[in-house]
N, C-alpha and C. Protein backbone atom coordinates (compact mmCIF):
# COMPACT_ATOMS: atom_id res chain seq x y z
N MET A 1 24.79 59.64 33.26
CA MET A 1 23.95 60.96 33.22
C MET A 1 22.50 60.66 33.16
N ALA A 2 22.08 61.74 33.73
CA ALA A 2 20.39 61.60 34.02
C ALA A 2 19.66 62.87 34.20
N ILE A 3 18.40 62.45 34.10
CA ILE A 3 17.82 63.68 34.53
C ILE A 3 16.85 63.52 35.55
N ALA A 4 16.59 64.36 36.35
CA ALA A 4 15.63 63.68 37.62
C ALA A 4 14.65 64.90 37.82
N ASP A 5 13.32 64.41 38.36
CA ASP A 5 12.68 65.45 38.38
C ASP A 5 12.70 65.97 40.16
N ALA A 6 11.72 66.73 40.83
CA ALA A 6 11.50 67.27 41.91
C ALA A 6 11.70 66.49 42.98
N ASN A 7 10.88 64.92 42.38
CA ASN A 7 10.67 63.67 43.57
C ASN A 7 11.74 62.87 43.48
N LEU A 8 12.86 63.27 43.03
CA LEU A 8 14.08 62.11 43.25
C LEU A 8 13.96 61.29 41.75
N GLN A 9 12.85 61.26 41.11
CA GLN A 9 13.06 60.11 40.32
C GLN A 9 13.70 60.54 38.87
N PHE A 10 14.41 59.64 38.39
CA PHE A 10 14.71 59.92 36.94
C PHE A 10 13.96 59.63 36.06
N ILE A 11 13.77 60.63 35.10
CA ILE A 11 13.18 60.90 33.91
C ILE A 11 13.73 60.46 32.90
N THR A 12 14.90 60.32 31.98
CA THR A 12 15.72 59.66 31.62
C THR A 12 17.14 59.64 31.95
N ILE A 13 17.79 58.62 31.69
CA ILE A 13 19.18 58.21 31.72
C ILE A 13 19.85 57.98 30.36
N ASP A 14 21.45 58.14 30.59
CA ASP A 14 21.94 57.97 29.41
C ASP A 14 23.12 56.81 30.19
N VAL A 15 23.77 55.72 30.03
CA VAL A 15 24.09 54.47 30.50
C VAL A 15 25.22 54.30 29.83
N GLY A 16 26.35 54.03 29.71
CA GLY A 16 27.49 53.53 28.97
C GLY A 16 28.42 54.44 28.34
N SER A 17 28.61 55.48 28.42
CA SER A 17 29.73 56.26 28.05
C SER A 17 30.62 56.14 28.47
N TYR A 18 31.93 56.66 27.90
CA TYR A 18 33.48 56.53 28.47
C TYR A 18 33.32 58.01 29.19
N GLY A 19 33.97 58.43 30.87
CA GLY A 19 34.15 59.34 31.90
C GLY A 19 34.92 60.18 30.74
N ARG A 20 36.20 59.98 30.26
CA ARG A 20 36.90 60.69 29.60
C ARG A 20 36.27 61.59 28.65
N GLU A 21 34.90 61.21 28.16
CA GLU A 21 34.42 61.86 27.14
C GLU A 21 34.15 63.18 27.83
N GLY A 22 33.67 63.32 28.61
CA GLY A 22 33.37 64.75 29.15
C GLY A 22 31.76 64.72 29.14
N ASP A 23 31.33 65.30 30.59
CA ASP A 23 29.55 65.51 30.59
C ASP A 23 29.07 66.19 29.01
N SER A 24 29.59 67.15 28.76
CA SER A 24 28.98 68.02 27.87
C SER A 24 29.09 67.33 26.50
N ASN A 25 30.39 66.52 26.57
CA ASN A 25 30.40 65.89 24.72
C ASN A 25 29.27 64.63 24.96
N ILE A 26 29.16 63.82 26.33
CA ILE A 26 28.38 62.78 26.18
C ILE A 26 26.46 63.08 25.92
N PHE A 27 26.32 64.48 26.75
CA PHE A 27 25.33 64.90 26.52
C PHE A 27 24.71 65.19 25.12
N LYS A 28 25.72 66.08 24.54
CA LYS A 28 25.19 66.71 23.14
C LYS A 28 24.93 65.26 21.90
N GLU A 29 25.66 63.86 22.57
CA GLU A 29 25.31 62.92 21.67
C GLU A 29 24.29 62.28 22.30
N CYS A 30 23.80 62.00 23.50
CA CYS A 30 22.76 61.14 23.68
C CYS A 30 21.11 61.53 23.23
N PRO A 31 20.50 60.77 22.67
CA PRO A 31 19.23 61.16 22.53
C PRO A 31 18.52 62.36 22.96
N PHE A 32 18.65 62.46 24.09
CA PHE A 32 17.80 63.76 24.89
C PHE A 32 18.45 64.82 24.29
N GLY A 33 19.89 64.95 24.56
CA GLY A 33 20.78 66.03 24.37
C GLY A 33 20.55 66.50 22.92
N LYS A 34 20.52 65.13 21.62
CA LYS A 34 19.99 65.73 20.32
C LYS A 34 18.68 66.39 20.64
N MET A 35 17.62 65.70 20.54
CA MET A 35 16.37 66.28 21.07
C MET A 35 16.41 67.75 21.46
N LEU A 36 17.03 68.08 22.79
CA LEU A 36 16.99 69.35 23.13
C LEU A 36 17.54 70.23 22.69
N TYR A 37 18.66 69.74 21.85
CA TYR A 37 19.47 71.20 21.00
C TYR A 37 18.69 71.21 19.84
N GLY A 38 17.98 70.42 19.19
CA GLY A 38 17.22 70.55 18.11
C GLY A 38 16.24 70.91 18.51
N LYS A 39 15.39 71.47 19.79
CA LYS A 39 14.27 71.79 19.57
C LYS A 39 13.18 70.92 19.14
N LYS A 40 13.33 69.73 19.42
CA LYS A 40 12.58 68.64 19.31
C LYS A 40 11.54 68.02 20.34
N LEU A 41 12.18 68.65 21.50
CA LEU A 41 11.45 68.26 22.88
C LEU A 41 10.06 68.40 23.13
N ASN A 42 9.65 69.30 22.29
CA ASN A 42 8.02 69.34 22.72
C ASN A 42 7.89 70.20 24.03
N LEU A 43 8.72 70.88 24.47
CA LEU A 43 8.46 71.71 25.37
C LEU A 43 7.30 72.76 25.52
N PRO A 44 6.67 73.26 26.70
CA PRO A 44 5.69 73.95 26.78
C PRO A 44 6.37 75.54 26.35
N GLU A 45 5.63 76.41 25.56
CA GLU A 45 5.75 77.61 25.70
C GLU A 45 6.20 78.54 26.61
N PRO A 46 7.18 79.45 26.37
CA PRO A 46 7.54 80.06 27.19
C PRO A 46 6.27 81.20 28.41
N ASN A 47 6.26 80.89 29.46
CA ASN A 47 5.25 81.88 30.14
C ASN A 47 6.27 82.84 31.16
N PRO A 48 5.41 83.70 31.64
CA PRO A 48 5.83 84.72 32.54
C PRO A 48 5.91 84.24 34.05
N LEU A 49 7.01 84.24 35.17
CA LEU A 49 7.55 83.81 35.99
C LEU A 49 6.48 84.58 36.92
N PRO A 50 5.84 83.42 38.39
CA PRO A 50 4.72 83.87 39.04
C PRO A 50 5.25 85.21 39.52
N ASN A 51 4.12 85.73 39.78
CA ASN A 51 4.22 87.37 40.32
C ASN A 51 4.11 88.31 39.27
N THR A 52 4.46 88.00 37.81
CA THR A 52 5.26 89.06 36.82
C THR A 52 3.99 88.91 35.62
N ASN A 53 3.78 89.95 35.01
CA ASN A 53 2.59 89.75 34.22
C ASN A 53 3.53 89.76 32.52
N ASN A 54 4.53 90.34 32.75
CA ASN A 54 5.42 90.14 31.21
C ASN A 54 6.63 89.70 31.25
N ASN A 55 7.52 90.10 29.93
CA ASN A 55 8.93 88.72 30.02
C ASN A 55 8.81 87.66 29.98
N PRO A 56 7.91 86.47 29.24
CA PRO A 56 7.83 85.32 29.59
C PRO A 56 9.46 84.49 29.36
N GLN A 57 9.51 83.34 30.01
CA GLN A 57 10.69 82.87 30.62
C GLN A 57 10.46 81.28 29.85
N PRO A 58 11.60 80.79 29.20
CA PRO A 58 11.54 79.54 28.72
C PRO A 58 11.64 78.52 30.00
N PHE A 59 11.09 77.14 29.55
CA PHE A 59 11.36 75.84 30.26
C PHE A 59 12.55 75.82 30.30
N VAL A 60 13.25 75.53 31.44
CA VAL A 60 14.90 75.15 31.80
C VAL A 60 15.33 74.05 32.13
N PHE A 61 16.35 73.11 31.96
CA PHE A 61 16.77 72.00 32.56
C PHE A 61 17.94 72.89 33.21
N ILE A 62 18.34 72.16 34.58
CA ILE A 62 19.48 72.59 35.28
C ILE A 62 20.79 72.03 34.85
N GLY A 63 21.90 72.24 34.42
CA GLY A 63 23.28 71.63 34.57
C GLY A 63 24.22 72.30 35.58
N ASP A 64 25.35 71.83 35.34
CA ASP A 64 26.56 72.41 36.04
C ASP A 64 27.65 72.78 35.37
N GLU A 65 28.49 73.23 35.53
CA GLU A 65 29.66 74.11 34.61
C GLU A 65 30.01 73.58 33.19
N ALA A 66 29.62 71.91 33.09
CA ALA A 66 30.30 71.47 32.34
C ALA A 66 29.54 71.45 31.08
N PHE A 67 28.43 72.22 31.17
CA PHE A 67 27.35 71.87 29.99
C PHE A 67 27.40 73.36 29.44
N ALA A 68 26.96 73.66 28.24
CA ALA A 68 27.24 74.69 27.67
C ALA A 68 25.51 75.41 27.63
N LEU A 69 25.59 76.60 27.57
CA LEU A 69 24.22 77.45 28.03
C LEU A 69 23.52 77.13 26.25
N HIS A 70 21.71 77.10 26.97
CA HIS A 70 21.23 77.25 25.52
C HIS A 70 19.98 77.53 26.33
N THR A 71 18.84 77.95 25.29
CA THR A 71 17.80 78.50 25.73
C THR A 71 17.28 77.64 27.23
N ASN A 72 17.36 76.26 27.20
CA ASN A 72 16.54 75.48 27.74
C ASN A 72 17.22 74.91 28.47
N LEU A 73 18.63 75.27 28.80
CA LEU A 73 19.67 74.46 29.71
C LEU A 73 20.28 75.57 30.04
N LEU A 74 19.95 75.94 31.60
CA LEU A 74 20.38 77.35 32.15
C LEU A 74 21.95 76.19 32.80
N ARG A 75 22.78 77.01 33.32
CA ARG A 75 24.40 76.71 33.94
C ARG A 75 24.87 77.71 34.84
N PRO A 76 25.70 77.72 35.73
CA PRO A 76 26.01 78.94 36.43
C PRO A 76 27.12 79.82 35.41
N TYR A 77 27.15 81.12 36.01
CA TYR A 77 28.32 82.01 35.43
C TYR A 77 29.38 81.70 35.85
N PRO A 78 30.26 81.48 34.89
CA PRO A 78 31.65 80.86 35.07
C PRO A 78 32.68 82.00 35.75
N GLY A 79 33.46 81.82 36.16
CA GLY A 79 34.50 82.61 36.89
C GLY A 79 34.56 82.77 38.05
N ARG A 80 35.49 83.68 38.95
CA ARG A 80 35.30 84.03 40.41
C ARG A 80 35.26 85.03 41.14
N ASN A 81 35.16 86.51 40.02
CA ASN A 81 34.88 87.74 40.10
C ASN A 81 33.69 88.12 39.46
N LEU A 82 32.49 87.46 40.34
CA LEU A 82 31.61 87.36 39.70
C LEU A 82 30.42 89.02 40.69
N THR A 83 29.47 89.45 40.09
CA THR A 83 28.83 90.48 40.63
C THR A 83 27.78 89.88 41.73
N ASP A 84 27.16 90.80 42.63
CA ASP A 84 26.66 90.18 43.77
C ASP A 84 25.33 89.20 43.39
N ILE A 85 24.29 89.77 41.73
CA ILE A 85 23.75 89.35 41.36
C ILE A 85 23.76 87.91 40.65
N ARG A 86 25.00 87.80 40.20
CA ARG A 86 25.30 86.62 39.08
C ARG A 86 25.83 85.63 40.22
N ARG A 87 26.63 85.96 41.75
CA ARG A 87 26.29 85.06 42.57
C ARG A 87 25.21 84.41 43.46
N VAL A 88 24.30 85.28 43.60
CA VAL A 88 23.07 84.84 44.06
C VAL A 88 22.66 84.27 43.10
N PHE A 89 22.34 84.26 41.79
CA PHE A 89 21.84 83.32 40.60
C PHE A 89 22.58 81.88 40.74
N ASN A 90 23.70 82.15 41.13
CA ASN A 90 24.70 80.61 41.10
C ASN A 90 24.22 79.96 42.16
N TYR A 91 24.28 80.53 43.59
CA TYR A 91 23.78 80.08 44.54
C TYR A 91 22.41 79.45 44.32
N ARG A 92 21.44 79.72 44.03
CA ARG A 92 20.03 79.38 43.80
C ARG A 92 19.94 78.13 43.00
N LEU A 93 20.90 78.40 41.64
CA LEU A 93 20.82 77.28 40.66
C LEU A 93 21.75 75.86 41.28
N SER A 94 22.21 76.12 42.24
CA SER A 94 23.40 74.98 42.88
C SER A 94 22.01 74.26 43.72
N ARG A 95 21.26 75.28 44.42
CA ARG A 95 19.97 74.78 45.28
C ARG A 95 19.46 73.92 44.43
N ALA A 96 18.82 74.59 43.17
CA ALA A 96 17.97 73.53 42.32
C ALA A 96 18.86 72.04 41.75
N ARG A 97 20.28 72.47 41.71
CA ARG A 97 21.10 70.89 41.12
C ARG A 97 21.03 70.30 42.48
N ARG A 98 20.63 70.29 43.43
CA ARG A 98 20.94 69.63 44.70
C ARG A 98 19.72 68.51 44.69
N THR A 99 18.98 68.44 43.72
CA THR A 99 17.89 67.73 43.91
C THR A 99 18.20 66.32 42.89
N VAL A 100 18.92 66.89 41.98
CA VAL A 100 19.64 65.41 40.94
C VAL A 100 20.73 65.05 41.68
N GLU A 101 21.74 65.51 42.28
CA GLU A 101 22.86 65.27 43.37
C GLU A 101 21.99 64.02 44.48
N CYS A 102 20.74 65.04 44.92
CA CYS A 102 20.08 63.85 46.25
C CYS A 102 19.89 62.56 45.36
N ALA A 103 19.28 62.85 44.60
CA ALA A 103 18.75 61.73 43.87
C ALA A 103 19.94 60.21 43.35
N PHE A 104 21.13 60.98 42.83
CA PHE A 104 21.91 60.12 42.70
C PHE A 104 22.51 59.21 44.42
N GLY A 105 22.32 60.22 45.02
CA GLY A 105 22.91 59.76 46.49
C GLY A 105 21.77 58.87 47.15
N VAL A 106 20.92 59.01 47.14
CA VAL A 106 19.64 57.97 47.15
C VAL A 106 19.53 56.51 46.57
N LEU A 107 19.89 57.07 45.24
CA LEU A 107 20.09 55.76 44.36
C LEU A 107 21.27 54.66 44.73
N ALA A 108 22.20 55.45 45.09
CA ALA A 108 23.89 54.89 45.79
C ALA A 108 23.52 54.26 46.61
N ASN A 109 22.86 54.70 47.61
CA ASN A 109 22.71 54.27 48.86
C ASN A 109 22.08 53.08 49.17
N LYS A 110 20.48 52.83 48.56
CA LYS A 110 19.71 51.91 48.14
C LYS A 110 20.45 50.56 47.33
N TRP A 111 21.11 50.91 46.73
CA TRP A 111 21.64 50.02 45.59
C TRP A 111 23.27 49.91 46.18
N SER A 112 23.49 48.95 47.24
CA SER A 112 25.28 49.46 47.08
C SER A 112 26.38 48.95 45.98
N VAL A 113 26.02 48.08 45.15
CA VAL A 113 26.45 47.76 44.18
C VAL A 113 27.16 49.46 43.75
N LEU A 114 26.54 49.89 43.44
CA LEU A 114 27.11 51.46 43.25
C LEU A 114 27.98 52.04 43.82
N HIS A 115 28.47 51.45 44.65
CA HIS A 115 29.40 52.02 45.48
C HIS A 115 30.87 51.63 45.41
N THR A 116 30.65 50.83 44.56
CA THR A 116 32.47 49.94 44.52
C THR A 116 32.66 50.09 42.54
N PRO A 117 33.42 49.70 42.44
CA PRO A 117 33.60 49.43 40.71
C PRO A 117 32.92 48.05 40.58
N ILE A 118 32.08 48.11 39.59
CA ILE A 118 31.42 46.77 39.26
C ILE A 118 32.24 45.85 38.39
N GLN A 119 32.32 44.46 38.76
CA GLN A 119 33.28 43.52 38.00
C GLN A 119 32.78 42.69 37.68
N VAL A 120 31.38 43.47 36.41
CA VAL A 120 31.00 42.46 35.37
C VAL A 120 31.58 42.78 34.18
N GLU A 121 31.25 42.27 32.99
CA GLU A 121 31.23 42.51 31.82
C GLU A 121 30.70 43.79 31.33
N PRO A 122 30.86 44.62 30.68
CA PRO A 122 30.27 46.46 30.30
C PRO A 122 29.45 46.46 29.98
N GLU A 123 28.69 45.48 29.01
CA GLU A 123 27.41 45.27 28.62
C GLU A 123 26.13 45.37 30.10
N PHE A 124 26.98 44.16 30.78
CA PHE A 124 25.93 43.72 32.00
C PHE A 124 26.03 45.15 33.08
N THR A 125 27.11 45.61 33.13
CA THR A 125 27.18 46.94 34.04
C THR A 125 26.61 47.56 33.43
N ASP A 126 26.14 48.00 32.15
CA ASP A 126 25.04 49.27 31.98
C ASP A 126 23.82 48.25 32.20
N VAL A 127 23.38 47.19 32.15
CA VAL A 127 22.16 46.44 32.30
C VAL A 127 21.86 46.86 34.09
N ILE A 128 22.78 46.36 34.91
CA ILE A 128 22.69 46.66 36.09
C ILE A 128 22.52 47.85 37.22
N ILE A 129 23.26 49.28 36.23
CA ILE A 129 22.82 50.37 36.27
C ILE A 129 21.48 50.93 36.05
N LYS A 130 20.94 50.65 34.51
CA LYS A 130 19.68 50.50 34.19
C LYS A 130 18.47 50.13 35.21
N ALA A 131 18.58 48.82 35.71
CA ALA A 131 18.10 48.07 36.09
C ALA A 131 17.91 48.78 37.99
N CYS A 132 19.04 49.24 38.23
CA CYS A 132 19.00 50.07 39.85
C CYS A 132 18.05 51.44 39.74
N CYS A 133 18.22 52.23 38.41
CA CYS A 133 17.44 53.31 37.82
C CYS A 133 15.86 52.90 38.04
N ILE A 134 15.52 51.90 37.30
CA ILE A 134 14.36 51.33 37.17
C ILE A 134 13.87 51.05 38.43
N LEU A 135 14.56 50.40 39.51
CA LEU A 135 14.01 49.85 40.62
C LEU A 135 13.86 51.21 41.63
N HIS A 136 14.94 52.14 41.31
CA HIS A 136 14.63 53.49 42.09
C HIS A 136 13.76 54.11 42.09
N ASN A 137 13.27 53.99 40.62
CA ASN A 137 12.08 54.88 40.91
C ASN A 137 10.63 54.05 41.30
N PHE A 138 10.78 53.00 40.89
CA PHE A 138 9.63 51.91 41.26
C PHE A 138 9.51 52.23 42.86
N VAL A 139 10.90 51.89 43.94
CA VAL A 139 10.57 52.21 45.19
C VAL A 139 9.76 53.42 45.41
N LEU A 140 10.95 54.48 44.90
CA LEU A 140 10.26 55.94 45.30
C LEU A 140 8.62 56.13 45.25
N LYS A 141 7.99 55.85 43.99
CA LYS A 141 6.79 55.57 43.41
C LYS A 141 6.04 54.75 44.94
N ARG A 142 6.43 53.54 44.85
CA ARG A 142 5.73 52.91 45.87
C ARG A 142 5.44 53.34 47.53
N ASP A 143 6.84 53.54 47.92
CA ASP A 143 7.33 54.03 48.94
C ASP A 143 7.35 55.36 49.57
N GLY A 144 7.50 56.15 48.79
CA GLY A 144 7.76 57.64 48.93
C GLY A 144 9.28 57.69 49.13
N ILE A 145 9.33 58.98 49.91
CA ILE A 145 11.52 59.64 49.67
C ILE A 145 11.24 59.06 51.23
N ASN A 146 12.13 58.34 51.88
CA ASN A 146 12.56 58.09 53.19
C ASN A 146 14.09 58.07 53.41
N PHE A 147 14.14 59.53 53.84
CA PHE A 147 15.94 59.33 54.10
C PHE A 147 16.30 58.91 54.88
N GLU A 148 15.60 58.57 56.03
CA GLU A 148 16.15 57.98 57.42
C GLU A 148 16.22 56.40 56.76
N GLU A 149 15.55 55.83 55.91
CA GLU A 149 15.54 54.46 55.88
C GLU A 149 16.33 54.05 54.30
N ALA A 150 17.53 54.83 53.99
CA ALA A 150 18.07 54.77 52.92
C ALA A 150 19.19 53.76 53.25
N GLU A 151 18.25 52.16 53.99
CA GLU A 151 19.59 51.39 54.00
C GLU A 151 19.89 50.81 52.58
N THR A 152 21.36 50.17 52.65
CA THR A 152 21.97 49.40 51.62
C THR A 152 21.19 48.24 51.25
N HIS A 153 21.66 47.58 50.30
CA HIS A 153 21.18 46.16 49.78
C HIS A 153 22.37 45.57 49.20
N SER A 154 22.83 44.12 49.60
CA SER A 154 23.77 43.53 48.75
C SER A 154 23.42 42.82 47.73
N LEU A 155 24.21 43.11 46.61
CA LEU A 155 23.97 42.57 45.58
C LEU A 155 25.27 41.25 45.40
N ASP A 156 25.68 40.85 46.39
CA ASP A 156 26.85 39.47 46.47
C ASP A 156 26.71 38.44 45.44
N ASP A 157 25.25 37.81 45.11
CA ASP A 157 24.66 36.77 44.69
C ASP A 157 25.11 36.99 43.20
N ILE A 158 25.30 38.30 42.96
CA ILE A 158 25.59 38.50 41.33
C ILE A 158 27.16 37.87 40.59
N ASP A 159 27.07 37.11 39.83
CA ASP A 159 28.47 36.70 39.50
C ASP A 159 28.99 37.57 38.80
N ALA A 160 30.85 37.62 39.39
CA ALA A 160 31.64 38.46 38.45
C ALA A 160 32.12 38.09 37.06
N ARG A 161 31.35 38.64 35.94
CA ARG A 161 31.68 38.28 34.37
C ARG A 161 32.64 39.05 33.48
N GLY A 162 33.69 39.51 34.55
CA GLY A 162 34.52 40.52 33.52
C GLY A 162 35.39 41.76 34.12
N THR A 163 35.85 42.67 33.83
CA THR A 163 36.89 43.27 34.14
C THR A 163 36.16 44.48 34.64
N GLY A 164 35.17 44.92 34.53
CA GLY A 164 34.50 46.04 34.75
C GLY A 164 34.34 47.61 34.21
N THR A 165 34.73 47.41 32.89
CA THR A 165 34.94 48.32 32.17
C THR A 165 33.98 49.24 31.57
N ARG A 166 33.91 50.25 31.04
CA ARG A 166 32.48 51.04 30.61
C ARG A 166 32.67 50.47 29.14
N SER A 167 31.53 50.57 28.53
CA SER A 167 31.10 50.28 27.24
C SER A 167 30.58 51.19 26.73
N GLU A 168 30.69 51.47 25.36
CA GLU A 168 29.99 52.71 24.60
C GLU A 168 27.95 52.43 24.88
N GLY A 169 27.55 53.59 24.84
CA GLY A 169 25.97 53.42 25.00
C GLY A 169 25.30 52.39 24.19
N ILE A 170 24.16 52.03 24.81
CA ILE A 170 23.69 50.89 24.77
C ILE A 170 22.21 50.89 24.82
N GLU A 171 21.29 50.82 23.62
CA GLU A 171 19.94 50.68 23.76
C GLU A 171 19.13 49.79 24.37
N VAL A 172 18.55 50.06 25.18
CA VAL A 172 17.72 48.50 26.02
C VAL A 172 16.31 49.29 25.99
N ARG A 173 15.47 48.39 25.64
CA ARG A 173 13.95 48.53 25.77
C ARG A 173 13.61 48.56 27.19
N ASP A 174 12.32 48.14 27.79
CA ASP A 174 11.69 48.41 29.09
C ASP A 174 11.30 46.79 29.47
N TYR A 175 12.47 46.31 29.02
CA TYR A 175 12.52 44.75 29.57
C TYR A 175 12.25 44.74 31.00
N PHE A 176 13.09 45.37 31.96
CA PHE A 176 13.10 45.62 33.46
C PHE A 176 11.73 45.61 33.88
N ALA A 177 11.04 46.34 33.62
CA ALA A 177 9.76 46.75 34.18
C ALA A 177 8.60 45.60 33.59
N ASP A 178 8.89 44.92 32.50
CA ASP A 178 8.22 43.71 32.23
C ASP A 178 8.62 42.79 33.21
N TYR A 179 10.02 42.30 33.19
CA TYR A 179 10.33 41.45 34.15
C TYR A 179 10.06 41.30 35.29
N PHE A 180 10.48 42.72 36.01
CA PHE A 180 10.39 42.71 37.51
C PHE A 180 8.70 42.67 37.91
N MET A 181 7.79 43.26 37.06
CA MET A 181 6.62 43.53 37.71
C MET A 181 5.14 43.27 36.67
N GLY A 182 5.69 42.47 35.27
CA GLY A 182 4.80 41.96 34.50
C GLY A 182 4.23 43.03 33.71
N PRO A 183 3.51 42.68 32.34
CA PRO A 183 3.35 43.89 31.26
C PRO A 183 2.85 44.52 31.89
N GLY A 184 2.65 45.86 31.84
CA GLY A 184 1.59 46.85 31.76
C GLY A 184 1.29 47.12 33.65
N ALA A 185 2.37 46.50 34.24
CA ALA A 185 2.55 47.02 35.78
C ALA A 185 2.79 48.12 36.04
N VAL A 186 3.39 48.92 35.62
CA VAL A 186 4.39 50.24 35.78
C VAL A 186 3.15 51.09 35.43
N ASP A 187 3.14 51.79 36.67
CA ASP A 187 1.83 53.01 36.75
C ASP A 187 2.81 54.24 36.88
N PHE A 188 4.28 54.19 36.42
CA PHE A 188 5.21 55.47 36.32
C PHE A 188 5.35 55.72 34.88
N GLN A 189 6.25 56.61 34.71
CA GLN A 189 6.76 56.80 33.09
C GLN A 189 8.51 57.01 33.50
N TYR A 190 9.02 56.20 32.64
CA TYR A 190 10.28 56.71 32.78
C TYR A 190 11.00 56.76 31.18
N LYS A 191 12.38 56.52 31.00
CA LYS A 191 12.53 56.84 29.57
C LYS A 191 14.33 56.27 29.76
N VAL A 192 14.74 54.88 29.49
CA VAL A 192 15.79 54.52 29.57
C VAL A 192 16.77 54.86 27.93
N LEU A 193 17.13 55.68 27.66
CA LEU A 193 17.96 55.91 26.80
C LEU A 193 19.35 55.22 26.23
């Protein structure tokens, strides 16, 4: 699970939960979800939308149908028999959600190891995914977004060391930034949950 910004960079990720747990439950239990629902994210105060003078609106994150509605988390209206206003809202929300979907697409196309089941021990799988996300941010920060050059890279040199099953969440410090670029060399912010 990840939160991406408008530049397709991952702001926060949560790796290692079992898929059968469901996105909503995983989100509620991850550190970011707990902070959001506990109102501890230090988000800006609500502001009026552009070209309006009243009715301040909160800053929000955008999710799909799997997430529960919250003051700072928008999700589409459920159901099929929607009014025109709700249908337009869902369409526009879907367009906004495409950014994070695109971030995952660019990530997977850049690191082809993510196209197939990763045949290593669960803990190492988590480390590979976290490393791919950190390198994804680094490459985007360095090179910018280039959809035409979304070439894939082979990671065939990695030794398979397990069955590829998922693990429970493992907390990891900023190891990869120090390892790949040296201490203090990262000029972008990210957080691995």
